[in-house]
Amino acid sequence: RSAKYLVSIKSGTSYHTIELQIIHDGTSVWMAQYDEMFTGSSLGTFDATISAGNLNLLFTPTNATTTVNLVRTSISV
Protein backbone atom coordinates (compact mmCIF):
# COMPACT_ATOMS: atom_id res chain seq x y z
CA ARG A 1 0.00 0.00 0.00
CA SER A 2 2.95 2.35 0.28
CA ALA A 3 6.17 2.92 -1.62
CA LYS A 4 9.12 5.27 -1.67
CA TYR A 5 11.03 6.02 -4.87
CA LEU A 6 14.50 7.50 -5.19
CA VAL A 7 14.73 8.83 -8.75
CA SER A 8 17.72 9.97 -10.81
CA ILE A 9 17.10 11.65 -14.17
CA LYS A 10 19.64 12.65 -16.84
CA SER A 11 19.28 14.59 -20.08
CA GLY A 12 22.49 15.61 -21.85
CA THR A 13 24.62 17.27 -19.18
CA SER A 14 21.63 18.10 -16.95
CA TYR A 15 20.73 16.08 -13.86
CA HIS A 16 17.66 15.88 -11.62
CA THR A 17 17.02 13.88 -8.46
CA ILE A 18 13.85 13.56 -6.37
CA GLU A 19 12.26 11.35 -3.73
CA LEU A 20 8.60 10.35 -4.05
CA GLN A 21 6.43 8.79 -1.37
CA ILE A 22 3.16 7.16 -2.48
CA ILE A 23 0.27 5.50 -0.69
CA HIS A 24 -3.01 4.14 -2.07
CA ASP A 25 -6.22 2.54 -0.81
CA GLY A 26 -6.99 0.56 -3.98
CA THR A 27 -9.05 3.43 -5.43
CA SER A 28 -7.19 6.68 -4.78
CA VAL A 29 -3.49 7.58 -4.75
CA TRP A 30 -1.66 10.20 -2.68
CA MET A 31 1.88 11.31 -3.54
CA ALA A 32 4.40 13.55 -1.79
CA GLN A 33 7.47 14.85 -3.61
CA TYR A 34 10.48 16.04 -1.63
CA ASP A 35 14.26 16.42 -1.58
CA GLU A 36 14.23 17.62 -5.19
CA MET A 37 17.44 18.97 -6.73
CA PHE A 38 18.49 19.67 -10.29
CA THR A 39 21.25 21.32 -12.27
CA GLY A 40 19.75 24.05 -14.40
CA SER A 41 16.01 23.34 -14.56
CA SER A 42 13.57 20.50 -13.88
CA LEU A 43 13.76 17.59 -16.34
CA GLY A 44 10.13 16.54 -15.90
CA THR A 45 7.11 15.98 -13.68
CA PHE A 46 5.61 13.00 -11.89
CA ASP A 47 2.06 11.83 -11.29
CA ALA A 48 0.52 8.64 -9.91
CA THR A 49 -2.72 6.86 -10.79
CA ILE A 50 -4.38 3.59 -9.93
CA SER A 51 -6.09 1.33 -12.47
CA ALA A 52 -7.55 -2.14 -11.81
CA GLY A 53 -5.73 -2.21 -8.48
CA ASN A 54 -2.34 -1.42 -10.06
CA LEU A 55 -0.38 1.66 -9.07
CA ASN A 56 1.06 3.57 -12.05
CA LEU A 57 3.92 6.04 -11.59
CA LEU A 58 3.93 8.42 -14.56
CA PHE A 59 6.81 10.64 -15.70
CA THR A 60 6.49 13.41 -18.29
CA PRO A 61 9.93 14.55 -19.48
CA THR A 62 10.71 18.09 -20.62
CA ASN A 63 13.25 16.78 -23.17
CA ALA A 64 12.83 13.99 -25.72
CA THR A 65 16.13 12.31 -24.79
CA THR A 66 15.89 11.60 -21.07
CA THR A 67 17.07 8.66 -18.98
CA VAL A 68 15.27 7.78 -15.74
CA ASN A 69 16.60 5.36 -13.12
CA LEU A 70 14.83 4.61 -9.87
CA VAL A 71 14.92 2.47 -6.78
CA ARG A 72 11.62 1.49 -5.14
CA THR A 73 11.16 0.47 -1.54
CA SER A 74 7.64 -0.87 -0.94
CA ILE A 75 5.65 -2.07 2.04
CA SER A 76 2.65 -4.33 1.52
CA VAL A 77 -0.15 -4.81 4.00
PDB file of N, CA and C in Angstrom:
ATOM      1  N   ARG A   1       0.790  -1.218   0.000  1.00  0.00           N
ATOM      2  CA  ARG A   1       0.000   0.000   0.000  1.00  0.00           C
ATOM      3  C   ARG A   1       0.823   1.268   0.000  1.00  0.00           C
ATOM      4  N   SER A   2       2.118   1.148   0.295  1.00  0.00           N
ATOM      5  CA  SER A   2       2.954   2.348   0.280  1.00  0.00           C
ATOM      6  C   SER A   2       4.299   2.035  -0.362  1.00  0.00           C
ATOM      7  N   ALA A   3       4.878   3.077  -0.966  1.00  0.00           N
ATOM      8  CA  ALA A   3       6.173   2.921  -1.625  1.00  0.00           C
ATOM      9  C   ALA A   3       6.927   4.238  -1.576  1.00  0.00           C
ATOM     10  N   LYS A   4       8.248   4.108  -1.601  1.00  0.00           N
ATOM     11  CA  LYS A   4       9.121   5.268  -1.668  1.00  0.00           C
ATOM     12  C   LYS A   4      10.043   5.062  -2.864  1.00  0.00           C
ATOM     13  N   TYR A   5      10.190   6.079  -3.687  1.00  0.00           N
ATOM     14  CA  TYR A   5      11.026   6.018  -4.874  1.00  0.00           C
ATOM     15  C   TYR A   5      12.159   7.038  -4.763  1.00  0.00           C
ATOM     16  N   LEU A   6      13.365   6.601  -5.032  1.00  0.00           N
ATOM     17  CA  LEU A   6      14.501   7.496  -5.191  1.00  0.00           C
ATOM     18  C   LEU A   6      14.790   7.523  -6.685  1.00  0.00           C
ATOM     19  N   VAL A   7      14.683   8.707  -7.293  1.00  0.00           N
ATOM     20  CA  VAL A   7      14.728   8.831  -8.748  1.00  0.00           C
ATOM     21  C   VAL A   7      15.913   9.692  -9.177  1.00  0.00           C
ATOM     22  N   SER A   8      16.626   9.224 -10.207  1.00  0.00           N
ATOM     23  CA  SER A   8      17.716   9.974 -10.814  1.00  0.00           C
ATOM     24  C   SER A   8      17.406  10.122 -12.305  1.00  0.00           C
ATOM     25  N   ILE A   9      17.463  11.354 -12.786  1.00  0.00           N
ATOM     26  CA  ILE A   9      17.099  11.655 -14.173  1.00  0.00           C
ATOM     27  C   ILE A   9      18.279  12.370 -14.830  1.00  0.00           C
ATOM     28  N   LYS A  10      18.547  12.028 -16.099  1.00  0.00           N
ATOM     29  CA  LYS A  10      19.643  12.654 -16.845  1.00  0.00           C
ATOM     30  C   LYS A  10      19.163  12.998 -18.247  1.00  0.00           C
ATOM     31  N   SER A  11      19.545  14.174 -18.705  1.00  0.00           N
ATOM     32  CA  SER A  11      19.281  14.587 -20.079  1.00  0.00           C
ATOM     33  C   SER A  11      20.463  15.433 -20.531  1.00  0.00           C
ATOM     34  N   GLY A  12      21.275  14.902 -21.429  1.00  0.00           N
ATOM     35  CA  GLY A  12      22.487  15.607 -21.852  1.00  0.00           C
ATOM     36  C   GLY A  12      23.421  15.765 -20.671  1.00  0.00           C
ATOM     37  N   THR A  13      23.760  17.009 -20.342  1.00  0.00           N
ATOM     38  CA  THR A  13      24.623  17.273 -19.184  1.00  0.00           C
ATOM     39  C   THR A  13      23.825  17.806 -17.994  1.00  0.00           C
ATOM     40  N   SER A  14      22.498  17.654 -18.043  1.00  0.00           N
ATOM     41  CA  SER A  14      21.630  18.097 -16.951  1.00  0.00           C
ATOM     42  C   SER A  14      21.207  16.903 -16.107  1.00  0.00           C
ATOM     43  N   TYR A  15      21.095  17.136 -14.802  1.00  0.00           N
ATOM     44  CA  TYR A  15      20.731  16.076 -13.863  1.00  0.00           C
ATOM     45  C   TYR A  15      19.619  16.545 -12.947  1.00  0.00           C
ATOM     46  N   HIS A  16      18.832  15.581 -12.465  1.00  0.00           N
ATOM     47  CA  HIS A  16      17.663  15.880 -11.621  1.00  0.00           C
ATOM     48  C   HIS A  16      17.480  14.686 -10.686  1.00  0.00           C
ATOM     49  N   THR A  17      17.303  14.943  -9.412  1.00  0.00           N
ATOM     50  CA  THR A  17      17.022  13.877  -8.463  1.00  0.00           C
ATOM     51  C   THR A  17      15.842  14.280  -7.591  1.00  0.00           C
ATOM     52  N   ILE A  18      15.046  13.288  -7.180  1.00  0.00           N
ATOM     53  CA  ILE A  18      13.854  13.560  -6.375  1.00  0.00           C
ATOM     54  C   ILE A  18      13.472  12.294  -5.618  1.00  0.00           C
ATOM     55  N   GLU A  19      12.840  12.472  -4.476  1.00  0.00           N
ATOM     56  CA  GLU A  19      12.259  11.352  -3.732  1.00  0.00           C
ATOM     57  C   GLU A  19      10.744  11.496  -3.787  1.00  0.00           C
ATOM     58  N   LEU A  20      10.066  10.372  -3.988  1.00  0.00           N
ATOM     59  CA  LEU A  20       8.600  10.347  -4.051  1.00  0.00           C
ATOM     60  C   LEU A  20       8.100   9.348  -3.020  1.00  0.00           C
ATOM     61  N   GLN A  21       7.069   9.717  -2.304  1.00  0.00           N
ATOM     62  CA  GLN A  21       6.429   8.792  -1.374  1.00  0.00           C
ATOM     63  C   GLN A  21       4.973   8.671  -1.796  1.00  0.00           C
ATOM     64  N   ILE A  22       4.498   7.419  -1.944  1.00  0.00           N
ATOM     65  CA  ILE A  22       3.161   7.160  -2.480  1.00  0.00           C
ATOM     66  C   ILE A  22       2.425   6.172  -1.584  1.00  0.00           C
ATOM     67  N   ILE A  23       1.136   6.435  -1.408  1.00  0.00           N
ATOM     68  CA  ILE A  23       0.266   5.503  -0.695  1.00  0.00           C
ATOM     69  C   ILE A  23      -1.059   5.436  -1.446  1.00  0.00           C
ATOM     70  N   HIS A  24      -1.715   4.266  -1.400  1.00  0.00           N
ATOM     71  CA  HIS A  24      -3.012   4.137  -2.068  1.00  0.00           C
ATOM     72  C   HIS A  24      -3.929   3.237  -1.242  1.00  0.00           C
ATOM     73  N   ASP A  25      -5.229   3.363  -1.507  1.00  0.00           N
ATOM     74  CA  ASP A  25      -6.224   2.540  -0.814  1.00  0.00           C
ATOM     75  C   ASP A  25      -6.944   1.595  -1.772  1.00  0.00           C
ATOM     76  N   GLY A  26      -6.376   1.404  -2.974  1.00  0.00           N
ATOM     77  CA  GLY A  26      -6.993   0.560  -3.984  1.00  0.00           C
ATOM     78  C   GLY A  26      -7.855   1.336  -4.954  1.00  0.00           C
ATOM     79  N   THR A  27      -8.216   2.574  -4.581  1.00  0.00           N
ATOM     80  CA  THR A  27      -9.048   3.427  -5.430  1.00  0.00           C
ATOM     81  C   THR A  27      -8.395   4.770  -5.703  1.00  0.00           C
ATOM     82  N   SER A  28      -7.820   5.363  -4.674  1.00  0.00           N
ATOM     83  CA  SER A  28      -7.186   6.678  -4.776  1.00  0.00           C
ATOM     84  C   SER A  28      -5.706   6.574  -4.440  1.00  0.00           C
ATOM     85  N   VAL A  29      -4.933   7.534  -4.976  1.00  0.00           N
ATOM     86  CA  VAL A  29      -3.489   7.579  -4.746  1.00  0.00           C
ATOM     87  C   VAL A  29      -3.120   8.957  -4.198  1.00  0.00           C
ATOM     88  N   TRP A  30      -2.199   8.959  -3.222  1.00  0.00           N
ATOM     89  CA  TRP A  30      -1.656  10.199  -2.684  1.00  0.00           C
ATOM     90  C   TRP A  30      -0.151  10.150  -2.841  1.00  0.00           C
ATOM     91  N   MET A  31       0.440  11.278  -3.281  1.00  0.00           N
ATOM     92  CA  MET A  31       1.875  11.308  -3.540  1.00  0.00           C
ATOM     93  C   MET A  31       2.478  12.578  -2.951  1.00  0.00           C
ATOM     94  N   ALA A  32       3.609  12.422  -2.279  1.00  0.00           N
ATOM     95  CA  ALA A  32       4.402  13.549  -1.787  1.00  0.00           C
ATOM     96  C   ALA A  32       5.740  13.537  -2.507  1.00  0.00           C
ATOM     97  N   GLN A  33       6.179  14.706  -2.954  1.00  0.00           N
ATOM     98  CA  GLN A  33       7.465  14.850  -3.613  1.00  0.00           C
ATOM     99  C   GLN A  33       8.348  15.711  -2.725  1.00  0.00           C
ATOM    100  N   TYR A  34       9.593  15.275  -2.500  1.00  0.00           N
ATOM    101  CA  TYR A  34      10.480  16.041  -1.631  1.00  0.00           C
ATOM    102  C   TYR A  34      11.933  15.771  -1.986  1.00  0.00           C
ATOM    103  N   ASP A  35      12.814  16.530  -1.344  1.00  0.00           N
ATOM    104  CA  ASP A  35      14.258  16.422  -1.582  1.00  0.00           C
ATOM    105  C   ASP A  35      14.593  16.512  -3.065  1.00  0.00           C
ATOM    106  N   GLU A  36      13.994  17.460  -3.754  1.00  0.00           N
ATOM    107  CA  GLU A  36      14.229  17.618  -5.193  1.00  0.00           C
ATOM    108  C   GLU A  36      15.394  18.567  -5.438  1.00  0.00           C
ATOM    109  N   MET A  37      16.306  18.136  -6.310  1.00  0.00           N
ATOM    110  CA  MET A  37      17.440  18.968  -6.728  1.00  0.00           C
ATOM    111  C   MET A  37      17.675  18.759  -8.216  1.00  0.00           C
ATOM    112  N   PHE A  38      18.135  19.809  -8.881  1.00  0.00           N
ATOM    113  CA  PHE A  38      18.487  19.667 -10.293  1.00  0.00           C
ATOM    114  C   PHE A  38      19.527  20.695 -10.673  1.00  0.00           C
ATOM    115  N   THR A  39      20.295  20.369 -11.711  1.00  0.00           N
ATOM    116  CA  THR A  39      21.245  21.315 -12.274  1.00  0.00           C
ATOM    117  C   THR A  39      20.511  22.030 -13.399  1.00  0.00           C
ATOM    118  N   GLY A  40      20.480  23.321 -13.371  1.00  0.00           N
ATOM    119  CA  GLY A  40      19.745  24.053 -14.399  1.00  0.00           C
ATOM    120  C   GLY A  40      18.263  24.114 -14.072  1.00  0.00           C
ATOM    121  N   SER A  41      17.452  23.325 -14.786  1.00  0.00           N
ATOM    122  CA  SER A  41      16.010  23.337 -14.563  1.00  0.00           C
ATOM    123  C   SER A  41      15.466  21.912 -14.461  1.00  0.00           C
ATOM    124  N   SER A  42      14.216  21.802 -14.050  1.00  0.00           N
ATOM    125  CA  SER A  42      13.567  20.504 -13.883  1.00  0.00           C
ATOM    126  C   SER A  42      13.541  19.737 -15.201  1.00  0.00           C
ATOM    127  N   LEU A  43      13.768  18.425 -15.128  1.00  0.00           N
ATOM    128  CA  LEU A  43      13.762  17.588 -16.336  1.00  0.00           C
ATOM    129  C   LEU A  43      12.424  16.886 -16.555  1.00  0.00           C
ATOM    130  N   GLY A  44      11.438  17.148 -15.697  1.00  0.00           N
ATOM    131  CA  GLY A  44      10.127  16.536 -15.899  1.00  0.00           C
ATOM    132  C   GLY A  44       9.270  16.571 -14.648  1.00  0.00           C
ATOM    133  N   THR A  45       8.066  16.012 -14.784  1.00  0.00           N
ATOM    134  CA  THR A  45       7.113  15.984 -13.677  1.00  0.00           C
ATOM    135  C   THR A  45       6.593  14.566 -13.469  1.00  0.00           C
ATOM    136  N   PHE A  46       6.130  14.309 -12.256  1.00  0.00           N
ATOM    137  CA  PHE A  46       5.613  13.000 -11.886  1.00  0.00           C
ATOM    138  C   PHE A  46       4.144  13.089 -11.515  1.00  0.00           C
ATOM    139  N   ASP A  47       3.443  11.976 -11.718  1.00  0.00           N
ATOM    140  CA  ASP A  47       2.061  11.827 -11.290  1.00  0.00           C
ATOM    141  C   ASP A  47       1.863  10.347 -10.976  1.00  0.00           C
ATOM    142  N   ALA A  48       0.826  10.030 -10.236  1.00  0.00           N
ATOM    143  CA  ALA A  48       0.517   8.638  -9.914  1.00  0.00           C
ATOM    144  C   ALA A  48      -0.979   8.413 -10.074  1.00  0.00           C
ATOM    145  N   THR A  49      -1.327   7.248 -10.628  1.00  0.00           N
ATOM    146  CA  THR A  49      -2.725   6.865 -10.794  1.00  0.00           C
ATOM    147  C   THR A  49      -2.877   5.419 -10.350  1.00  0.00           C
ATOM    148  N   ILE A  50      -4.120   4.997 -10.221  1.00  0.00           N
ATOM    149  CA  ILE A  50      -4.383   3.589  -9.931  1.00  0.00           C
ATOM    150  C   ILE A  50      -5.428   3.103 -10.919  1.00  0.00           C
ATOM    151  N   SER A  51      -5.186   1.906 -11.481  1.00  0.00           N
ATOM    152  CA  SER A  51      -6.090   1.330 -12.467  1.00  0.00           C
ATOM    153  C   SER A  51      -6.152  -0.173 -12.241  1.00  0.00           C
ATOM    154  N   ALA A  52      -7.339  -0.703 -12.045  1.00  0.00           N
ATOM    155  CA  ALA A  52      -7.547  -2.136 -11.809  1.00  0.00           C
ATOM    156  C   ALA A  52      -6.675  -2.650 -10.659  1.00  0.00           C
ATOM    157  N   GLY A  53      -6.509  -1.818  -9.642  1.00  0.00           N
ATOM    158  CA  GLY A  53      -5.728  -2.212  -8.482  1.00  0.00           C
ATOM    159  C   GLY A  53      -4.230  -2.073  -8.637  1.00  0.00           C
ATOM    160  N   ASN A  54      -3.773  -1.598  -9.803  1.00  0.00           N
ATOM    161  CA  ASN A  54      -2.341  -1.421 -10.058  1.00  0.00           C
ATOM    162  C   ASN A  54      -1.956   0.044  -9.950  1.00  0.00           C
ATOM    163  N   LEU A  55      -0.909   0.318  -9.204  1.00  0.00           N
ATOM    164  CA  LEU A  55      -0.380   1.665  -9.071  1.00  0.00           C
ATOM    165  C   LEU A  55       0.484   1.978 -10.288  1.00  0.00           C
ATOM    166  N   ASN A  56       0.274   3.133 -10.898  1.00  0.00           N
ATOM    167  CA  ASN A  56       1.058   3.572 -12.054  1.00  0.00           C
ATOM    168  C   ASN A  56       1.786   4.856 -11.700  1.00  0.00           C
ATOM    169  N   LEU A  57       3.115   4.839 -11.771  1.00  0.00           N
ATOM    170  CA  LEU A  57       3.921   6.037 -11.588  1.00  0.00           C
ATOM    171  C   LEU A  57       4.216   6.579 -12.974  1.00  0.00           C
ATOM    172  N   LEU A  58       3.818   7.814 -13.236  1.00  0.00           N
ATOM    173  CA  LEU A  58       3.933   8.416 -14.561  1.00  0.00           C
ATOM    174  C   LEU A  58       4.965   9.538 -14.548  1.00  0.00           C
ATOM    175  N   PHE A  59       5.807   9.589 -15.563  1.00  0.00           N
ATOM    176  CA  PHE A  59       6.806  10.636 -15.704  1.00  0.00           C
ATOM    177  C   PHE A  59       6.638  11.307 -17.056  1.00  0.00           C
ATOM    178  N   THR A  60       6.570  12.635 -17.059  1.00  0.00           N
ATOM    179  CA  THR A  60       6.489  13.414 -18.290  1.00  0.00           C
ATOM    180  C   THR A  60       7.771  14.230 -18.418  1.00  0.00           C
ATOM    181  N   PRO A  61       8.659  13.847 -19.347  1.00  0.00           N
ATOM    182  CA  PRO A  61       9.934  14.553 -19.481  1.00  0.00           C
ATOM    183  C   PRO A  61       9.779  15.894 -20.194  1.00  0.00           C
ATOM    184  N   THR A  62      10.693  16.814 -19.908  1.00  0.00           N
ATOM    185  CA  THR A  62      10.710  18.092 -20.620  1.00  0.00           C
ATOM    186  C   THR A  62      11.542  18.014 -21.892  1.00  0.00           C
ATOM    187  N   ASN A  63      12.409  16.984 -21.989  1.00  0.00           N
ATOM    188  CA  ASN A  63      13.251  16.775 -23.174  1.00  0.00           C
ATOM    189  C   ASN A  63      12.983  15.388 -23.745  1.00  0.00           C
ATOM    190  N   ALA A  64      13.096  15.270 -25.057  1.00  0.00           N
ATOM    191  CA  ALA A  64      12.830  13.987 -25.718  1.00  0.00           C
ATOM    192  C   ALA A  64      13.834  12.903 -25.325  1.00  0.00           C
ATOM    193  N   THR A  65      15.098  13.283 -25.139  1.00  0.00           N
ATOM    194  CA  THR A  65      16.132  12.315 -24.790  1.00  0.00           C
ATOM    195  C   THR A  65      16.422  12.419 -23.295  1.00  0.00           C
ATOM    196  N   THR A  66      15.771  11.567 -22.529  1.00  0.00           N
ATOM    197  CA  THR A  66      15.886  11.604 -21.074  1.00  0.00           C
ATOM    198  C   THR A  66      15.999  10.172 -20.552  1.00  0.00           C
ATOM    199  N   THR A  67      16.899   9.962 -19.609  1.00  0.00           N
ATOM    200  CA  THR A  67      17.070   8.657 -18.978  1.00  0.00           C
ATOM    201  C   THR A  67      16.623   8.758 -17.530  1.00  0.00           C
ATOM    202  N   VAL A  68      15.784   7.806 -17.110  1.00  0.00           N
ATOM    203  CA  VAL A  68      15.273   7.783 -15.740  1.00  0.00           C
ATOM    204  C   VAL A  68      15.679   6.466 -15.089  1.00  0.00           C
ATOM    205  N   ASN A  69      16.283   6.540 -13.922  1.00  0.00           N
ATOM    206  CA  ASN A  69      16.604   5.365 -13.116  1.00  0.00           C
ATOM    207  C   ASN A  69      15.967   5.568 -11.746  1.00  0.00           C
ATOM    208  N   LEU A  70      15.446   4.472 -11.190  1.00  0.00           N
ATOM    209  CA  LEU A  70      14.828   4.612  -9.871  1.00  0.00           C
ATOM    210  C   LEU A  70      15.001   3.346  -9.048  1.00  0.00           C
ATOM    211  N   VAL A  71      14.902   3.557  -7.743  1.00  0.00           N
ATOM    212  CA  VAL A  71      14.918   2.471  -6.785  1.00  0.00           C
ATOM    213  C   VAL A  71      13.634   2.582  -5.971  1.00  0.00           C
ATOM    214  N   ARG A  72      12.895   1.475  -5.879  1.00  0.00           N
ATOM    215  CA  ARG A  72      11.621   1.487  -5.137  1.00  0.00           C
ATOM    216  C   ARG A  72      11.770   0.646  -3.878  1.00  0.00           C
ATOM    217  N   THR A  73      11.295   1.190  -2.790  1.00  0.00           N
ATOM    218  CA  THR A  73      11.157   0.465  -1.544  1.00  0.00           C
ATOM    219  C   THR A  73       9.662   0.428  -1.256  1.00  0.00           C
ATOM    220  N   SER A  74       9.089  -0.776  -1.143  1.00  0.00           N
ATOM    221  CA  SER A  74       7.640  -0.870  -0.938  1.00  0.00           C
ATOM    222  C   SER A  74       7.323  -1.679   0.305  1.00  0.00           C
ATOM    223  N   ILE A  75       6.166  -1.376   0.874  1.00  0.00           N
ATOM    224  CA  ILE A  75       5.654  -2.072   2.040  1.00  0.00           C
ATOM    225  C   ILE A  75       4.248  -2.540   1.720  1.00  0.00           C
ATOM    226  N   SER A  76       4.004  -3.825   1.784  1.00  0.00           N
ATOM    227  CA  SER A  76       2.653  -4.334   1.519  1.00  0.00           C
ATOM    228  C   SER A  76       1.951  -4.609   2.831  1.00  0.00           C
ATOM    229  N   VAL A  77       0.646  -4.565   2.789  1.00  0.00           N
ATOM    230  CA  VAL A  77      -0.153  -4.811   3.998  1.00  0.00           C
ATOM    231  C   VAL A  77      -0.600  -6.251   4.021  1.00  0.00           C
TER     232      VAL A  77
END
